[in-house]
Each structure stands twice: as C-alpha cells, then as structure tokens.
Amino acid sequence: MPRILVFGKTGQLASCLAMCGNEFPNAELVFVGRDQCDLEDVHQIAPLIDRVQPDVVINAAAYTAVDLAEEQADVAFKVNRDAVRAMAETLAKRAVPLIHVSTDYVFDGQGSTPYTEQDPVSP
C-alpha cells in the first residue's frame, strides 16, 4: 500500500483530502502539520521524511497570509521557498515524487492556454 505524506494538514486542500480519504482504500495518507514539522526550520524536513518513509509527498503547506507576506517576508520565504527546496532536494535523493501545490497569485489569469514553468510570472 503506497504511503502518501501530505504537508499542510490544517489547510484547505489537505482537509479535503482527509475528508475523502476513505475514497483511497489502497493508500495510506499521512497528514503533517506545523506541530509535527515546522517548515520555518528546514532541518526538520529530512528527519520527518525518513521517519514516515513516503512513496509520494504532497506539499499543500504554504505561508498564505498575502497581506502580511511583505511584513513577514523572512517567514514567507522560509515556508514557500526554502522548505520547498529542502523537500525537493531530500526527496530527489530518495527517488520519491513531490507534488507541490502552488497559488493562484503566480499568474494574472489572462492566458488562454495552460501555463508552463517557462511563462513569466505576473502576480
């Protein structure tokens, strides 16, 4: 049975996954929040991943207080940039896929085709 580690257990996406968890009887969903792994401290990420031994990781965690992000830029960067980098690097070494859920504040929404990683950002 594949084990899926989900960061951001109290967020909207993880909460929805938890509610419909019984729809995935052939997968073990492991939800992690700040109380188990504070993403402001990247040194907590690899040990958690090693303990859980996931087959897939979904990062649904983020610093989402848009209005405060400029005032608390250091925290926003730690969670939204540094932690994601640490997850990606840790998981790449273990050949574990990472699904990273982003935000709708990356593009302006005016495009007529799906966005790619090469498209310019326009928050």
C-alpha atoms as a PDB file:
ATOM      1  CA  MET A   1       0.000   0.000   0.000  1.00  0.00           C
ATOM      2  CA  PRO A   2       1.562   3.331  -1.005  1.00  0.00           C
ATOM      3  CA  ARG A   3       2.137   5.836   1.769  1.00  0.00           C
ATOM      4  CA  ILE A   4       1.351   9.448   0.832  1.00  0.00           C
ATOM      5  CA  LEU A   5       2.775  12.159   3.060  1.00  0.00           C
ATOM      6  CA  VAL A   6       0.734  15.371   2.977  1.00  0.00           C
ATOM      7  CA  PHE A   7       2.206  18.578   4.393  1.00  0.00           C
ATOM      8  CA  GLY A   8      -0.262  21.265   5.488  1.00  0.00           C
ATOM      9  CA  LYS A   9      -2.804  19.136   7.349  1.00  0.00           C
ATOM     10  CA  THR A  10      -4.958  22.051   8.531  1.00  0.00           C
ATOM     11  CA  GLY A  11      -5.123  23.754   5.130  1.00  0.00           C
ATOM     12  CA  GLN A  12      -7.968  23.630   2.657  1.00  0.00           C
ATOM     13  CA  LEU A  13      -6.553  21.003   0.300  1.00  0.00           C
ATOM     14  CA  ALA A  14      -5.274  18.644   2.991  1.00  0.00           C
ATOM     15  CA  SER A  15      -8.562  18.949   4.875  1.00  0.00           C
ATOM     16  CA  CYS A  16     -10.439  17.956   1.725  1.00  0.00           C
ATOM     17  CA  LEU A  17      -8.098  15.019   1.177  1.00  0.00           C
ATOM     18  CA  ALA A  18      -8.650  13.922   4.767  1.00  0.00           C
ATOM     19  CA  MET A  19     -12.431  14.092   4.358  1.00  0.00           C
ATOM     20  CA  CYS A  20     -12.349  11.885   1.278  1.00  0.00           C
ATOM     21  CA  GLY A  21      -9.549   9.624   2.498  1.00  0.00           C
ATOM     22  CA  ASN A  22     -11.849   6.608   2.503  1.00  0.00           C
ATOM     23  CA  GLU A  23     -12.072   7.028  -1.286  1.00  0.00           C
ATOM     24  CA  PHE A  24      -8.448   5.840  -1.402  1.00  0.00           C
ATOM     25  CA  PRO A  25      -8.581   2.480   0.394  1.00  0.00           C
ATOM     26  CA  ASN A  26      -5.361   1.327  -1.258  1.00  0.00           C
ATOM     27  CA  ALA A  27      -3.277   4.238   0.022  1.00  0.00           C
ATOM     28  CA  GLU A  28      -2.155   5.318   3.462  1.00  0.00           C
ATOM     29  CA  LEU A  29      -2.474   9.081   3.862  1.00  0.00           C
ATOM     30  CA  VAL A  30      -0.204  10.630   6.494  1.00  0.00           C
ATOM     31  CA  PHE A  31      -1.050  14.247   7.313  1.00  0.00           C
ATOM     32  CA  VAL A  32       1.567  16.514   8.864  1.00  0.00           C
ATOM     33  CA  GLY A  33       1.113  19.975  10.310  1.00  0.00           C
ATOM     34  CA  ARG A  34       3.303  22.578  11.924  1.00  0.00           C
ATOM     35  CA  ASP A  35       3.138  20.719  15.230  1.00  0.00           C
ATOM     36  CA  GLN A  36       4.989  17.754  13.670  1.00  0.00           C
ATOM     37  CA  CYS A  37       7.225  19.672  11.244  1.00  0.00           C
ATOM     38  CA  ASP A  38       7.672  23.436  11.359  1.00  0.00           C
ATOM     39  CA  LEU A  39       8.527  24.405   7.790  1.00  0.00           C
ATOM     40  CA  GLU A  40      10.269  27.545   9.020  1.00  0.00           C
ATOM     41  CA  ASP A  41      13.036  25.151  10.111  1.00  0.00           C
ATOM     42  CA  VAL A  42      14.240  23.251   7.039  1.00  0.00           C
ATOM     43  CA  HIS A  43      16.289  20.942   9.258  1.00  0.00           C
ATOM     44  CA  GLN A  44      13.069  19.250  10.414  1.00  0.00           C
ATOM     45  CA  ILE A  45      12.090  18.104   6.923  1.00  0.00           C
ATOM     46  CA  ALA A  46      14.562  15.284   6.114  1.00  0.00           C
ATOM     47  CA  PRO A  47      14.198  13.561   9.513  1.00  0.00           C
ATOM     48  CA  LEU A  48      10.409  13.585   9.158  1.00  0.00           C
ATOM     49  CA  ILE A  49      10.596  12.145   5.656  1.00  0.00           C
ATOM     50  CA  ASP A  50      12.978   9.456   6.897  1.00  0.00           C
ATOM     51  CA  ARG A  51      10.583   8.557   9.736  1.00  0.00           C
ATOM     52  CA  VAL A  52       7.473   8.416   7.527  1.00  0.00           C
ATOM     53  CA  GLN A  53       9.151   6.718   4.522  1.00  0.00           C
ATOM     54  CA  PRO A  54       6.588   8.010   2.000  1.00  0.00           C
ATOM     55  CA  ASP A  55       6.154   6.769  -1.552  1.00  0.00           C
ATOM     56  CA  VAL A  56       4.818  10.180  -2.617  1.00  0.00           C
ATOM     57  CA  VAL A  57       4.751  13.601  -0.950  1.00  0.00           C
ATOM     58  CA  ILE A  58       2.110  16.268  -1.494  1.00  0.00           C
ATOM     59  CA  ASN A  59       3.114  19.703  -0.291  1.00  0.00           C
ATOM     60  CA  ALA A  60      -0.121  21.525   0.439  1.00  0.00           C
ATOM     61  CA  ALA A  61       1.518  23.760   3.057  1.00  0.00           C
ATOM     62  CA  ALA A  62       2.237  27.414   2.448  1.00  0.00           C
ATOM     63  CA  TYR A  63       2.513  30.819   4.012  1.00  0.00           C
ATOM     64  CA  THR A  64      -0.792  32.187   2.701  1.00  0.00           C
ATOM     65  CA  ALA A  65      -1.268  35.463   4.577  1.00  0.00           C
ATOM     66  CA  VAL A  66      -0.831  37.566   1.446  1.00  0.00           C
ATOM     67  CA  ASP A  67      -1.392  40.860   3.263  1.00  0.00           C
ATOM     68  CA  LEU A  68       1.315  40.041   5.823  1.00  0.00           C
ATOM     69  CA  ALA A  69       3.837  38.500   3.438  1.00  0.00           C
ATOM     70  CA  GLU A  70       5.701  41.758   2.879  1.00  0.00           C
ATOM     71  CA  GLU A  71       5.922  42.458   6.613  1.00  0.00           C
ATOM     72  CA  GLN A  72       6.921  38.865   7.359  1.00  0.00           C
ATOM     73  CA  ALA A  73       8.927  38.228   4.200  1.00  0.00           C
ATOM     74  CA  ASP A  74      11.511  36.140   6.059  1.00  0.00           C
ATOM     75  CA  VAL A  75       8.838  33.713   7.255  1.00  0.00           C
ATOM     76  CA  ALA A  76       7.121  33.625   3.857  1.00  0.00           C
ATOM     77  CA  PHE A  77      10.423  32.830   2.121  1.00  0.00           C
ATOM     78  CA  LYS A  78      11.298  30.140   4.677  1.00  0.00           C
ATOM     79  CA  VAL A  79       7.988  28.338   4.180  1.00  0.00           C
ATOM     80  CA  ASN A  80       7.267  28.992   0.495  1.00  0.00           C
ATOM     81  CA  ARG A  81      10.796  28.813  -0.908  1.00  0.00           C
ATOM     82  CA  ASP A  82      13.334  27.281   1.464  1.00  0.00           C
ATOM     83  CA  ALA A  83      11.129  24.472   2.778  1.00  0.00           C
ATOM     84  CA  VAL A  84      10.035  23.513  -0.725  1.00  0.00           C
ATOM     85  CA  ARG A  85      13.650  23.421  -1.881  1.00  0.00           C
ATOM     86  CA  ALA A  86      14.559  21.231   1.104  1.00  0.00           C
ATOM     87  CA  MET A  87      11.656  18.891   0.342  1.00  0.00           C
ATOM     88  CA  ALA A  88      12.598  18.654  -3.331  1.00  0.00           C
ATOM     89  CA  GLU A  89      16.283  18.014  -2.603  1.00  0.00           C
ATOM     90  CA  THR A  90      15.550  15.475   0.127  1.00  0.00           C
ATOM     91  CA  LEU A  91      13.006  13.612  -1.968  1.00  0.00           C
ATOM     92  CA  ALA A  92      15.171  13.634  -5.099  1.00  0.00           C
ATOM     93  CA  LYS A  93      17.913  11.843  -3.144  1.00  0.00           C
ATOM     94  CA  ARG A  94      15.367   9.198  -2.167  1.00  0.00           C
ATOM     95  CA  ALA A  95      13.673   8.967  -5.601  1.00  0.00           C
ATOM     96  CA  VAL A  96      10.337   9.978  -4.078  1.00  0.00           C
ATOM     97  CA  PRO A  97       7.995  12.127  -6.203  1.00  0.00           C
ATOM     98  CA  LEU A  98       6.910  15.531  -4.900  1.00  0.00           C
ATOM     99  CA  ILE A  99       3.606  17.125  -5.829  1.00  0.00           C
ATOM    100  CA  HIS A 100       3.835  20.807  -4.946  1.00  0.00           C
ATOM    101  CA  VAL A 101       0.607  22.785  -4.849  1.00  0.00           C
ATOM    102  CA  SER A 102       1.121  26.438  -5.609  1.00  0.00           C
ATOM    103  CA  THR A 103      -1.089  29.507  -5.559  1.00  0.00           C
ATOM    104  CA  ASP A 104      -3.263  31.434  -7.951  1.00  0.00           C
ATOM    105  CA  TYR A 105      -1.141  34.529  -7.268  1.00  0.00           C
ATOM    106  CA  VAL A 106       1.612  33.450  -9.696  1.00  0.00           C
ATOM    107  CA  PHE A 107      -0.078  34.393 -12.982  1.00  0.00           C
ATOM    108  CA  ASP A 108      -2.624  37.066 -13.886  1.00  0.00           C
ATOM    109  CA  GLY A 109      -5.188  34.597 -15.239  1.00  0.00           C
ATOM    110  CA  GLN A 110      -5.395  36.281 -18.633  1.00  0.00           C
ATOM    111  CA  GLY A 111      -3.832  33.408 -20.576  1.00  0.00           C
ATOM    112  CA  SER A 112      -5.902  31.279 -22.942  1.00  0.00           C
ATOM    113  CA  THR A 113      -3.719  28.162 -22.651  1.00  0.00           C
ATOM    114  CA  PRO A 114      -2.351  26.252 -19.655  1.00  0.00           C
ATOM    115  CA  TYR A 115       0.663  27.905 -18.038  1.00  0.00           C
ATOM    116  CA  THR A 116       4.100  26.299 -18.040  1.00  0.00           C
ATOM    117  CA  GLU A 117       7.161  26.735 -15.857  1.00  0.00           C
ATOM    118  CA  GLN A 118       8.653  28.938 -18.578  1.00  0.00           C
ATOM    119  CA  ASP A 119       5.812  31.501 -18.566  1.00  0.00           C
ATOM    120  CA  PRO A 120       6.617  34.859 -16.969  1.00  0.00           C
ATOM    121  CA  VAL A 121       5.066  35.462 -13.574  1.00  0.00           C
ATOM    122  CA  SER A 122       2.569  38.247 -13.187  1.00  0.00           C
ATOM    123  CA  PRO A 123       1.078  38.437  -9.728  1.00  0.00           C
END
